[in-house]
Amino acid sequence: MGVLEDIFGFITSGSIGGIPPIVVMIIPFVIGLVVGFFIKKMFKIAIIAAIILVVASYLGFFGLSLAALSDLADKYGPIAIQYGVLLMGMLPLGLGLIVGLIIGFIFS
C-alpha cells in the first residue's frame, strides 16, 4: 500500500512546471477522447471509400496490386512503429491517451 500512497501523494501535491500533475495527466486523456471521436467518424467515411475503391478496381478503372501495397508497408511501416514507440515511451501519458481513444471511439 505504500506505493499507492506515494503515487496518490505525487498526483495530489507538487507541480510540474507550475501545473498540477493531475492536469498534466488529464490533458492526454482529453486529447484521446477527441481523437477517438473523430477516428470513429472518419472510420465510417473510410469504409464507404474502401467500398467505392474496390468497386472501381473491380470495374477496371485502376489496378490494385499486392506489390504496391507491400511497398507502401515497407516504406511507412517503420515510421508508424517509431511513433508507436514514442507514444509508449511516455507511458503514463500514453496510457491516458490510449484509454481516451478507446472511450472516445466506443461512446461517440
PDB file of N, CA and C in Angstrom:
ATOM      1  N   MET A   1       0.822  -1.189   0.000  1.00  0.00           N
ATOM      2  CA  MET A   1       0.000   0.000   0.000  1.00  0.00           C
ATOM      3  C   MET A   1       0.870   1.258   0.000  1.00  0.00           C
ATOM      4  N   GLY A   2       2.110   1.152   0.355  1.00  0.00           N
ATOM      5  CA  GLY A   2       2.989   2.317   0.390  1.00  0.00           C
ATOM      6  C   GLY A   2       3.214   2.906  -0.992  1.00  0.00           C
ATOM      7  N   VAL A   3       3.248   2.056  -2.015  1.00  0.00           N
ATOM      8  CA  VAL A   3       3.458   2.540  -3.377  1.00  0.00           C
ATOM      9  C   VAL A   3       2.268   3.361  -3.838  1.00  0.00           C
ATOM     10  N   LEU A   4       1.057   2.865  -3.555  1.00  0.00           N
ATOM     11  CA  LEU A   4      -0.142   3.599  -3.944  1.00  0.00           C
ATOM     12  C   LEU A   4      -0.221   4.947  -3.242  1.00  0.00           C
ATOM     13  N   GLU A   5       0.170   4.985  -1.966  1.00  0.00           N
ATOM     14  CA  GLU A   5       0.158   6.248  -1.246  1.00  0.00           C
ATOM     15  C   GLU A   5       1.156   7.221  -1.849  1.00  0.00           C
ATOM     16  N   ASP A   6       2.321   6.725  -2.266  1.00  0.00           N
ATOM     17  CA  ASP A   6       3.311   7.589  -2.914  1.00  0.00           C
ATOM     18  C   ASP A   6       2.791   8.130  -4.242  1.00  0.00           C
ATOM     19  N   ILE A   7       2.134   7.282  -5.023  1.00  0.00           N
ATOM     20  CA  ILE A   7       1.598   7.715  -6.321  1.00  0.00           C
ATOM     21  C   ILE A   7       0.510   8.762  -6.117  1.00  0.00           C
ATOM     22  N   PHE A   8      -0.443   8.487  -5.220  1.00  0.00           N
ATOM     23  CA  PHE A   8      -1.507   9.460  -4.976  1.00  0.00           C
ATOM     24  C   PHE A   8      -0.958  10.738  -4.359  1.00  0.00           C
ATOM     25  N   GLY A   9       0.088  10.616  -3.550  1.00  0.00           N
ATOM     26  CA  GLY A   9       0.727  11.801  -2.990  1.00  0.00           C
ATOM     27  C   GLY A   9       1.369  12.651  -4.065  1.00  0.00           C
ATOM     28  N   PHE A  10       1.986  12.009  -5.072  1.00  0.00           N
ATOM     29  CA  PHE A  10       2.594  12.754  -6.175  1.00  0.00           C
ATOM     30  C   PHE A  10       1.524  13.437  -7.020  1.00  0.00           C
ATOM     31  N   ILE A  11       0.427  12.731  -7.267  1.00  0.00           N
ATOM     32  CA  ILE A  11      -0.626  13.281  -8.121  1.00  0.00           C
ATOM     33  C   ILE A  11      -1.299  14.481  -7.463  1.00  0.00           C
ATOM     34  N   THR A  12      -1.507  14.422  -6.163  1.00  0.00           N
ATOM     35  CA  THR A  12      -2.261  15.479  -5.490  1.00  0.00           C
ATOM     36  C   THR A  12      -1.398  16.606  -4.953  1.00  0.00           C
ATOM     37  N   SER A  13      -0.084  16.470  -4.959  1.00  0.00           N
ATOM     38  CA  SER A  13       0.752  17.538  -4.419  1.00  0.00           C
ATOM     39  C   SER A  13       1.857  17.881  -5.406  1.00  0.00           C
ATOM     40  N   GLY A  14       2.459  19.025  -5.201  1.00  0.00           N
ATOM     41  CA  GLY A  14       3.564  19.439  -6.059  1.00  0.00           C
ATOM     42  C   GLY A  14       3.080  20.036  -7.365  1.00  0.00           C
ATOM     43  N   SER A  15       4.059  20.246  -8.258  1.00  0.00           N
ATOM     44  CA  SER A  15       3.709  20.801  -9.561  1.00  0.00           C
ATOM     45  C   SER A  15       4.780  20.416 -10.569  1.00  0.00           C
ATOM     46  N   ILE A  16       4.381  20.389 -11.822  1.00  0.00           N
ATOM     47  CA  ILE A  16       5.302  20.128 -12.928  1.00  0.00           C
ATOM     48  C   ILE A  16       5.285  21.379 -13.788  1.00  0.00           C
ATOM     49  N   GLY A  17       6.318  22.167 -13.669  1.00  0.00           N
ATOM     50  CA  GLY A  17       6.368  23.419 -14.415  1.00  0.00           C
ATOM     51  C   GLY A  17       5.275  24.389 -14.003  1.00  0.00           C
ATOM     52  N   GLY A  18       4.876  24.358 -12.750  1.00  0.00           N
ATOM     53  CA  GLY A  18       3.820  25.242 -12.272  1.00  0.00           C
ATOM     54  C   GLY A  18       2.416  24.724 -12.492  1.00  0.00           C
ATOM     55  N   ILE A  19       2.301  23.554 -13.135  1.00  0.00           N
ATOM     56  CA  ILE A  19       0.986  22.961 -13.409  1.00  0.00           C
ATOM     57  C   ILE A  19       0.838  21.744 -12.508  1.00  0.00           C
ATOM     58  N   PRO A  20      -0.321  21.573 -11.855  1.00  0.00           N
ATOM     59  CA  PRO A  20      -0.517  20.381 -11.016  1.00  0.00           C
ATOM     60  C   PRO A  20      -0.392  19.100 -11.838  1.00  0.00           C
ATOM     61  N   PRO A  21       0.189  18.052 -11.275  1.00  0.00           N
ATOM     62  CA  PRO A  21       0.384  16.805 -12.032  1.00  0.00           C
ATOM     63  C   PRO A  21      -0.904  16.183 -12.547  1.00  0.00           C
ATOM     64  N   ILE A  22      -2.004  16.352 -11.829  1.00  0.00           N
ATOM     65  CA  ILE A  22      -3.262  15.758 -12.284  1.00  0.00           C
ATOM     66  C   ILE A  22      -3.702  16.388 -13.603  1.00  0.00           C
ATOM     67  N   VAL A  23      -3.444  17.682 -13.775  1.00  0.00           N
ATOM     68  CA  VAL A  23      -3.791  18.364 -15.028  1.00  0.00           C
ATOM     69  C   VAL A  23      -2.918  17.842 -16.163  1.00  0.00           C
ATOM     70  N   VAL A  24      -1.631  17.635 -15.877  1.00  0.00           N
ATOM     71  CA  VAL A  24      -0.722  17.109 -16.892  1.00  0.00           C
ATOM     72  C   VAL A  24      -1.148  15.711 -17.322  1.00  0.00           C
ATOM     73  N   MET A  25      -1.723  14.930 -16.414  1.00  0.00           N
ATOM     74  CA  MET A  25      -2.166  13.580 -16.746  1.00  0.00           C
ATOM     75  C   MET A  25      -3.535  13.576 -17.436  1.00  0.00           C
ATOM     76  N   ILE A  26      -4.354  14.590 -17.210  1.00  0.00           N
ATOM     77  CA  ILE A  26      -5.688  14.634 -17.801  1.00  0.00           C
ATOM     78  C   ILE A  26      -5.636  15.110 -19.256  1.00  0.00           C
ATOM     79  N   ILE A  27      -4.681  15.961 -19.590  1.00  0.00           N
ATOM     80  CA  ILE A  27      -4.615  16.522 -20.941  1.00  0.00           C
ATOM     81  C   ILE A  27      -4.536  15.441 -22.015  1.00  0.00           C
ATOM     82  N   PRO A  28      -3.641  14.433 -21.928  1.00  0.00           N
ATOM     83  CA  PRO A  28      -3.636  13.386 -22.965  1.00  0.00           C
ATOM     84  C   PRO A  28      -4.939  12.587 -23.012  1.00  0.00           C
ATOM     85  N   PHE A  29      -5.592  12.403 -21.863  1.00  0.00           N
ATOM     86  CA  PHE A  29      -6.865  11.684 -21.838  1.00  0.00           C
ATOM     87  C   PHE A  29      -7.929  12.437 -22.632  1.00  0.00           C
ATOM     88  N   VAL A  30      -8.012  13.735 -22.429  1.00  0.00           N
ATOM     89  CA  VAL A  30      -8.994  14.545 -23.141  1.00  0.00           C
ATOM     90  C   VAL A  30      -8.673  14.573 -24.634  1.00  0.00           C
ATOM     91  N   ILE A  31      -7.391  14.690 -24.972  1.00  0.00           N
ATOM     92  CA  ILE A  31      -6.988  14.646 -26.379  1.00  0.00           C
ATOM     93  C   ILE A  31      -7.369  13.294 -26.979  1.00  0.00           C
ATOM     94  N   GLY A  32      -7.187  12.222 -26.231  1.00  0.00           N
ATOM     95  CA  GLY A  32      -7.574  10.894 -26.692  1.00  0.00           C
ATOM     96  C   GLY A  32      -9.068  10.774 -26.924  1.00  0.00           C
ATOM     97  N   LEU A  33      -9.871  11.385 -26.045  1.00  0.00           N
ATOM     98  CA  LEU A  33     -11.322  11.365 -26.238  1.00  0.00           C
ATOM     99  C   LEU A  33     -11.709  12.040 -27.553  1.00  0.00           C
ATOM    100  N   VAL A  34     -11.116  13.202 -27.812  1.00  0.00           N
ATOM    101  CA  VAL A  34     -11.443  13.945 -29.028  1.00  0.00           C
ATOM    102  C   VAL A  34     -10.979  13.182 -30.265  1.00  0.00           C
ATOM    103  N   VAL A  35      -9.756  12.669 -30.225  1.00  0.00           N
ATOM    104  CA  VAL A  35      -9.219  11.933 -31.371  1.00  0.00           C
ATOM    105  C   VAL A  35     -10.019  10.647 -31.606  1.00  0.00           C
ATOM    106  N   GLY A  36     -10.388   9.949 -30.546  1.00  0.00           N
ATOM    107  CA  GLY A  36     -11.200   8.740 -30.689  1.00  0.00           C
ATOM    108  C   GLY A  36     -12.556   9.031 -31.309  1.00  0.00           C
ATOM    109  N   PHE A  37     -13.160  10.150 -30.942  1.00  0.00           N
ATOM    110  CA  PHE A  37     -14.432  10.559 -31.531  1.00  0.00           C
ATOM    111  C   PHE A  37     -14.271  10.781 -33.030  1.00  0.00           C
ATOM    112  N   PHE A  38     -13.214  11.515 -33.415  1.00  0.00           N
ATOM    113  CA  PHE A  38     -13.010  11.795 -34.834  1.00  0.00           C
ATOM    114  C   PHE A  38     -12.592  10.549 -35.618  1.00  0.00           C
ATOM    115  N   ILE A  39     -11.860   9.648 -34.979  1.00  0.00           N
ATOM    116  CA  ILE A  39     -11.488   8.400 -35.664  1.00  0.00           C
ATOM    117  C   ILE A  39     -12.742   7.595 -35.999  1.00  0.00           C
ATOM    118  N   LYS A  40     -13.689   7.534 -35.072  1.00  0.00           N
ATOM    119  CA  LYS A  40     -14.915   6.779 -35.342  1.00  0.00           C
ATOM    120  C   LYS A  40     -15.690   7.416 -36.491  1.00  0.00           C
ATOM    121  N   LYS A  41     -15.760   8.729 -36.517  1.00  0.00           N
ATOM    122  CA  LYS A  41     -16.466   9.408 -37.606  1.00  0.00           C
ATOM    123  C   LYS A  41     -15.743   9.182 -38.937  1.00  0.00           C
ATOM    124  N   MET A  42     -14.423   9.251 -38.939  1.00  0.00           N
ATOM    125  CA  MET A  42     -13.655   9.056 -40.167  1.00  0.00           C
ATOM    126  C   MET A  42     -13.666   7.592 -40.596  1.00  0.00           C
ATOM    127  N   PHE A  43     -13.832   6.682 -39.643  1.00  0.00           N
ATOM    128  CA  PHE A  43     -13.883   5.255 -39.969  1.00  0.00           C
ATOM    129  C   PHE A  43     -15.095   4.938 -40.837  1.00  0.00           C
ATOM    130  N   LYS A  44     -16.208   5.599 -40.543  1.00  0.00           N
ATOM    131  CA  LYS A  44     -17.407   5.400 -41.356  1.00  0.00           C
ATOM    132  C   LYS A  44     -17.160   5.864 -42.791  1.00  0.00           C
ATOM    133  N   ILE A  45     -16.509   7.004 -42.934  1.00  0.00           N
ATOM    134  CA  ILE A  45     -16.186   7.525 -44.267  1.00  0.00           C
ATOM    135  C   ILE A  45     -15.190   6.611 -44.959  1.00  0.00           C
ATOM    136  N   ALA A  46     -14.223   6.077 -44.212  1.00  0.00           N
ATOM    137  CA  ALA A  46     -13.209   5.194 -44.794  1.00  0.00           C
ATOM    138  C   ALA A  46     -13.826   3.892 -45.313  1.00  0.00           C
ATOM    139  N   ILE A  47     -14.830   3.391 -44.621  1.00  0.00           N
ATOM    140  CA  ILE A  47     -15.497   2.165 -45.090  1.00  0.00           C
ATOM    141  C   ILE A  47     -16.192   2.422 -46.426  1.00  0.00           C
ATOM    142  N   ILE A  48     -16.876   3.546 -46.524  1.00  0.00           N
ATOM    143  CA  ILE A  48     -17.547   3.884 -47.783  1.00  0.00           C
ATOM    144  C   ILE A  48     -16.521   4.083 -48.892  1.00  0.00           C
ATOM    145  N   ALA A  49     -15.423   4.771 -48.588  1.00  0.00           N
ATOM    146  CA  ALA A  49     -14.377   4.988 -49.590  1.00  0.00           C
ATOM    147  C   ALA A  49     -13.745   3.668 -50.020  1.00  0.00           C
ATOM    148  N   ALA A  50     -13.551   2.742 -49.092  1.00  0.00           N
ATOM    149  CA  ALA A  50     -12.962   1.443 -49.432  1.00  0.00           C
ATOM    150  C   ALA A  50     -13.897   0.648 -50.345  1.00  0.00           C
ATOM    151  N   ILE A  51     -15.191   0.716 -50.079  1.00  0.00           N
ATOM    152  CA  ILE A  51     -16.151   0.014 -50.944  1.00  0.00           C
ATOM    153  C   ILE A  51     -16.119   0.599 -52.350  1.00  0.00           C
ATOM    154  N   ILE A  52     -16.091   1.929 -52.439  1.00  0.00           N
ATOM    155  CA  ILE A  52     -16.006   2.574 -53.755  1.00  0.00           C
ATOM    156  C   ILE A  52     -14.701   2.209 -54.450  1.00  0.00           C
ATOM    157  N   LEU A  53     -13.610   2.144 -53.709  1.00  0.00           N
ATOM    158  CA  LEU A  53     -12.310   1.781 -54.271  1.00  0.00           C
ATOM    159  C   LEU A  53     -12.309   0.355 -54.810  1.00  0.00           C
ATOM    160  N   VAL A  54     -12.891  -0.570 -54.067  1.00  0.00           N
ATOM    161  CA  VAL A  54     -12.948  -1.961 -54.516  1.00  0.00           C
ATOM    162  C   VAL A  54     -13.820  -2.092 -55.762  1.00  0.00           C
ATOM    163  N   VAL A  55     -14.943  -1.406 -55.789  1.00  0.00           N
ATOM    164  CA  VAL A  55     -15.821  -1.459 -56.960  1.00  0.00           C
ATOM    165  C   VAL A  55     -15.124  -0.852 -58.171  1.00  0.00           C
ATOM    166  N   ALA A  56     -14.454   0.283 -57.995  1.00  0.00           N
ATOM    167  CA  ALA A  56     -13.738   0.913 -59.103  1.00  0.00           C
ATOM    168  C   ALA A  56     -12.603   0.027 -59.597  1.00  0.00           C
ATOM    169  N   SER A  57     -11.923  -0.645 -58.688  1.00  0.00           N
ATOM    170  CA  SER A  57     -10.857  -1.565 -59.088  1.00  0.00           C
ATOM    171  C   SER A  57     -11.428  -2.769 -59.819  1.00  0.00           C
ATOM    172  N   TYR A  58     -12.555  -3.275 -59.357  1.00  0.00           N
ATOM    173  CA  TYR A  58     -13.190  -4.429 -59.993  1.00  0.00           C
ATOM    174  C   TYR A  58     -13.644  -4.091 -61.414  1.00  0.00           C
ATOM    175  N   LEU A  59     -14.134  -2.878 -61.598  1.00  0.00           N
ATOM    176  CA  LEU A  59     -14.589  -2.452 -62.913  1.00  0.00           C
ATOM    177  C   LEU A  59     -13.433  -2.057 -63.842  1.00  0.00           C
ATOM    178  N   GLY A  60     -12.216  -2.012 -63.313  1.00  0.00           N
ATOM    179  CA  GLY A  60     -11.045  -1.772 -64.142  1.00  0.00           C
ATOM    180  C   GLY A  60     -10.645  -0.322 -64.300  1.00  0.00           C
ATOM    181  N   PHE A  61     -11.153   0.567 -63.481  1.00  0.00           N
ATOM    182  CA  PHE A  61     -10.759   1.970 -63.591  1.00  0.00           C
ATOM    183  C   PHE A  61      -9.308   2.180 -63.161  1.00  0.00           C
ATOM    184  N   PHE A  62      -8.840   1.412 -62.237  1.00  0.00           N
ATOM    185  CA  PHE A  62      -7.423   1.393 -61.859  1.00  0.00           C
ATOM    186  C   PHE A  62      -7.129   0.059 -61.196  1.00  0.00           C
ATOM    187  N   GLY A  63      -5.859  -0.246 -61.060  1.00  0.00           N
ATOM    188  CA  GLY A  63      -5.475  -1.551 -60.539  1.00  0.00           C
ATOM    189  C   GLY A  63      -4.881  -1.475 -59.143  1.00  0.00           C
ATOM    190  N   LEU A  64      -5.186  -2.467 -58.359  1.00  0.00           N
ATOM    191  CA  LEU A  64      -4.570  -2.635 -57.045  1.00  0.00           C
ATOM    192  C   LEU A  64      -3.678  -3.857 -57.107  1.00  0.00           C
ATOM    193  N   SER A  65      -2.456  -3.708 -56.647  1.00  0.00           N
ATOM    194  CA  SER A  65      -1.565  -4.860 -56.643  1.00  0.00           C
ATOM    195  C   SER A  65      -0.987  -5.040 -55.242  1.00  0.00           C
ATOM    196  N   LEU A  66      -0.758  -6.281 -54.888  1.00  0.00           N
ATOM    197  CA  LEU A  66      -0.167  -6.550 -53.575  1.00  0.00           C
ATOM    198  C   LEU A  66       1.262  -6.042 -53.498  1.00  0.00           C
ATOM    199  N   ALA A  67       1.953  -5.973 -54.640  1.00  0.00           N
ATOM    200  CA  ALA A  67       3.323  -5.458 -54.640  1.00  0.00           C
ATOM    201  C   ALA A  67       3.345  -3.980 -54.257  1.00  0.00           C
ATOM    202  N   ALA A  68       2.385  -3.213 -54.775  1.00  0.00           N
ATOM    203  CA  ALA A  68       2.316  -1.789 -54.432  1.00  0.00           C
ATOM    204  C   ALA A  68       1.973  -1.603 -52.950  1.00  0.00           C
ATOM    205  N   LEU A  69       1.056  -2.406 -52.452  1.00  0.00           N
ATOM    206  CA  LEU A  69       0.706  -2.314 -51.038  1.00  0.00           C
ATOM    207  C   LEU A  69       1.876  -2.745 -50.156  1.00  0.00           C
ATOM    208  N   SER A  70       2.620  -3.732 -50.612  1.00  0.00           N
ATOM    209  CA  SER A  70       3.799  -4.176 -49.867  1.00  0.00           C
ATOM    210  C   SER A  70       4.864  -3.083 -49.836  1.00  0.00           C
ATOM    211  N   ASP A  71       5.039  -2.388 -50.950  1.00  0.00           N
ATOM    212  CA  ASP A  71       5.999  -1.280 -50.983  1.00  0.00           C
ATOM    213  C   ASP A  71       5.604  -0.171 -50.013  1.00  0.00           C
ATOM    214  N   LEU A  72       4.302   0.134 -49.950  1.00  0.00           N
ATOM    215  CA  LEU A  72       3.831   1.149 -49.006  1.00  0.00           C
ATOM    216  C   LEU A  72       4.064   0.711 -47.562  1.00  0.00           C
ATOM    217  N   ALA A  73       3.825  -0.565 -47.283  1.00  0.00           N
ATOM    218  CA  ALA A  73       4.054  -1.075 -45.925  1.00  0.00           C
ATOM    219  C   ALA A  73       5.536  -1.026 -45.578  1.00  0.00           C
ATOM    220  N   ASP A  74       6.393  -1.344 -46.543  1.00  0.00           N
ATOM    221  CA  ASP A  74       7.838  -1.275 -46.295  1.00  0.00           C
ATOM    222  C   ASP A  74       8.296   0.162 -46.075  1.00  0.00           C
ATOM    223  N   LYS A  75       7.671   1.091 -46.777  1.00  0.00           N
ATOM    224  CA  LYS A  75       8.078   2.493 -46.684  1.00  0.00           C
ATOM    225  C   LYS A  75       7.585   3.143 -45.392  1.00  0.00           C
ATOM    226  N   TYR A  76       6.303   2.962 -45.067  1.00  0.00           N
ATOM    227  CA  TYR A  76       5.706   3.674 -43.936  1.00  0.00           C
ATOM    228  C   TYR A  76       5.565   2.842 -42.671  1.00  0.00           C
ATOM    229  N   GLY A  77       5.795   1.549 -42.732  1.00  0.00           N
ATOM    230  CA  GLY A  77       5.692   0.700 -41.552  1.00  0.00           C
ATOM    231  C   GLY A  77       6.653   1.079 -40.438  1.00  0.00           C
ATOM    232  N   PRO A  78       7.963   1.240 -40.743  1.00  0.00           N
ATOM    233  CA  PRO A  78       8.901   1.622 -39.678  1.00  0.00           C
ATOM    234  C   PRO A  78       8.583   2.978 -39.052  1.00  0.00           C
ATOM    235  N   ILE A  79       8.050   3.894 -39.844  1.00  0.00           N
ATOM    236  CA  ILE A  79       7.696   5.209 -39.299  1.00  0.00           C
ATOM    237  C   ILE A  79       6.543   5.064 -38.307  1.00  0.00           C
ATOM    238  N   ALA A  80       5.552   4.253 -38.645  1.00  0.00           N
ATOM    239  CA  ALA A  80       4.419   4.029 -37.743  1.00  0.00           C
ATOM    240  C   ALA A  80       4.888   3.367 -36.451  1.00  0.00           C
ATOM    241  N   ILE A  81       5.793   2.417 -36.561  1.00  0.00           N
ATOM    242  CA  ILE A  81       6.320   1.750 -35.364  1.00  0.00           C
ATOM    243  C   ILE A  81       7.115   2.736 -34.511  1.00  0.00           C
ATOM    244  N   GLN A  82       7.884   3.612 -35.159  1.00  0.00           N
ATOM    245  CA  GLN A  82       8.657   4.611 -34.430  1.00  0.00           C
ATOM    246  C   GLN A  82       7.744   5.532 -33.617  1.00  0.00           C
ATOM    247  N   TYR A  83       6.641   5.979 -34.211  1.00  0.00           N
ATOM    248  CA  TYR A  83       5.718   6.842 -33.474  1.00  0.00           C
ATOM    249  C   TYR A  83       4.996   6.078 -32.371  1.00  0.00           C
ATOM    250  N   GLY A  84       4.719   4.806 -32.592  1.00  0.00           N
ATOM    251  CA  GLY A  84       4.115   3.992 -31.538  1.00  0.00           C
ATOM    252  C   GLY A  84       5.045   3.835 -30.349  1.00  0.00           C
ATOM    253  N   VAL A  85       6.322   3.622 -30.622  1.00  0.00           N
ATOM    254  CA  VAL A  85       7.306   3.505 -29.548  1.00  0.00           C
ATOM    255  C   VAL A  85       7.452   4.831 -28.820  1.00  0.00           C
ATOM    256  N   LEU A  86       7.411   5.935 -29.555  1.00  0.00           N
ATOM    257  CA  LEU A  86       7.489   7.251 -28.930  1.00  0.00           C
ATOM    258  C   LEU A  86       6.307   7.477 -27.998  1.00  0.00           C
ATOM    259  N   LEU A  87       5.116   7.063 -28.432  1.00  0.00           N
ATOM    260  CA  LEU A  87       3.928   7.206 -27.603  1.00  0.00           C
ATOM    261  C   LEU A  87       4.044   6.353 -26.343  1.00  0.00           C
ATOM    262  N   MET A  88       4.528   5.139 -26.475  1.00  0.00           N
ATOM    263  CA  MET A  88       4.670   4.268 -25.316  1.00  0.00           C
ATOM    264  C   MET A  88       5.853   4.680 -24.439  1.00  0.00           C
ATOM    265  N   GLY A  89       6.770   5.488 -24.983  1.00  0.00           N
ATOM    266  CA  GLY A  89       7.899   5.976 -24.197  1.00  0.00           C
ATOM    267  C   GLY A  89       7.443   6.873 -23.065  1.00  0.00           C
ATOM    268  N   MET A  90       6.384   7.621 -23.304  1.00  0.00           N
ATOM    269  CA  MET A  90       5.804   8.435 -22.246  1.00  0.00           C
ATOM    270  C   MET A  90       4.621   7.665 -21.679  1.00  0.00           C
ATOM    271  N   LEU A  91       4.910   6.552 -21.058  1.00  0.00           N
ATOM    272  CA  LEU A  91       3.895   5.563 -20.689  1.00  0.00           C
ATOM    273  C   LEU A  91       2.725   6.123 -19.890  1.00  0.00           C
ATOM    274  N   PRO A  92       2.920   6.867 -18.823  1.00  0.00           N
ATOM    275  CA  PRO A  92       1.729   7.348 -18.106  1.00  0.00           C
ATOM    276  C   PRO A  92       0.857   8.231 -18.982  1.00  0.00           C
ATOM    277  N   LEU A  93       1.474   9.097 -19.761  1.00  0.00           N
ATOM    278  CA  LEU A  93       0.697   9.967 -20.638  1.00  0.00           C
ATOM    279  C   LEU A  93       0.142   9.169 -21.805  1.00  0.00           C
ATOM    280  N   GLY A  94       0.925   8.200 -22.316  1.00  0.00           N
ATOM    281  CA  GLY A  94       0.467   7.365 -23.423  1.00  0.00           C
ATOM    282  C   GLY A  94      -0.717   6.509 -23.038  1.00  0.00           C
ATOM    283  N   LEU A  95      -0.724   6.005 -21.823  1.00  0.00           N
ATOM    284  CA  LEU A  95      -1.855   5.195 -21.367  1.00  0.00           C
ATOM    285  C   LEU A  95      -3.118   6.036 -21.265  1.00  0.00           C
ATOM    286  N   GLY A  96      -2.987   7.270 -20.794  1.00  0.00           N
ATOM    287  CA  GLY A  96      -4.147   8.150 -20.741  1.00  0.00           C
ATOM    288  C   GLY A  96      -4.688   8.436 -22.129  1.00  0.00           C
ATOM    289  N   LEU A  97      -3.783   8.614 -23.091  1.00  0.00           N
ATOM    290  CA  LEU A  97      -4.200   8.864 -24.461  1.00  0.00           C
ATOM    291  C   LEU A  97      -4.902   7.647 -25.048  1.00  0.00           C
ATOM    292  N   ILE A  98      -4.359   6.470 -24.805  1.00  0.00           N
ATOM    293  CA  ILE A  98      -4.951   5.243 -25.349  1.00  0.00           C
ATOM    294  C   ILE A  98      -6.308   4.965 -24.707  1.00  0.00           C
ATOM    295  N   VAL A  99      -6.420   5.159 -23.404  1.00  0.00           N
ATOM    296  CA  VAL A  99      -7.712   4.969 -22.734  1.00  0.00           C
ATOM    297  C   VAL A  99      -8.722   5.981 -23.270  1.00  0.00           C
ATOM    298  N   GLY A 100      -8.287   7.226 -23.461  1.00  0.00           N
ATOM    299  CA  GLY A 100      -9.169   8.233 -24.032  1.00  0.00           C
ATOM    300  C   GLY A 100      -9.592   7.885 -25.439  1.00  0.00           C
ATOM    301  N   LEU A 101      -8.672   7.346 -26.246  1.00  0.00           N
ATOM    302  CA  LEU A 101      -9.005   6.915 -27.603  1.00  0.00           C
ATOM    303  C   LEU A 101     -10.079   5.836 -27.589  1.00  0.00           C
ATOM    304  N   ILE A 102      -9.893   4.847 -26.733  1.00  0.00           N
ATOM    305  CA  ILE A 102     -10.849   3.738 -26.665  1.00  0.00           C
ATOM    306  C   ILE A 102     -12.216   4.235 -26.212  1.00  0.00           C
ATOM    307  N   ILE A 103     -12.254   5.051 -25.161  1.00  0.00           N
ATOM    308  CA  ILE A 103     -13.537   5.564 -24.667  1.00  0.00           C
ATOM    309  C   ILE A 103     -14.187   6.480 -25.702  1.00  0.00           C
ATOM    310  N   GLY A 104     -13.393   7.334 -26.319  1.00  0.00           N
ATOM    311  CA  GLY A 104     -13.945   8.225 -27.341  1.00  0.00           C
ATOM    312  C   GLY A 104     -14.457   7.462 -28.548  1.00  0.00           C
ATOM    313  N   PHE A 105     -13.784   6.378 -28.903  1.00  0.00           N
ATOM    314  CA  PHE A 105     -14.212   5.580 -30.049  1.00  0.00           C
ATOM    315  C   PHE A 105     -15.492   4.813 -29.740  1.00  0.00           C
ATOM    316  N   ILE A 106     -15.580   4.254 -28.549  1.00  0.00           N
ATOM    317  CA  ILE A 106     -16.737   3.413 -28.206  1.00  0.00           C
ATOM    318  C   ILE A 106     -17.977   4.255 -27.936  1.00  0.00           C
ATOM    319  N   PHE A 107     -17.829   5.352 -27.203  1.00  0.00           N
ATOM    320  CA  PHE A 107     -19.003   6.098 -26.746  1.00  0.00           C
ATOM    321  C   PHE A 107     -19.344   7.322 -27.587  1.00  0.00           C
ATOM    322  N   SER A 108     -18.801   7.444 -28.785  1.00  0.00           N
ATOM    323  CA  SER A 108     -19.160   8.604 -29.611  1.00  0.00           C
ATOM    324  C   SER A 108     -20.370   8.294 -30.473  1.00  0.00           C
TER     325      SER A 108
END
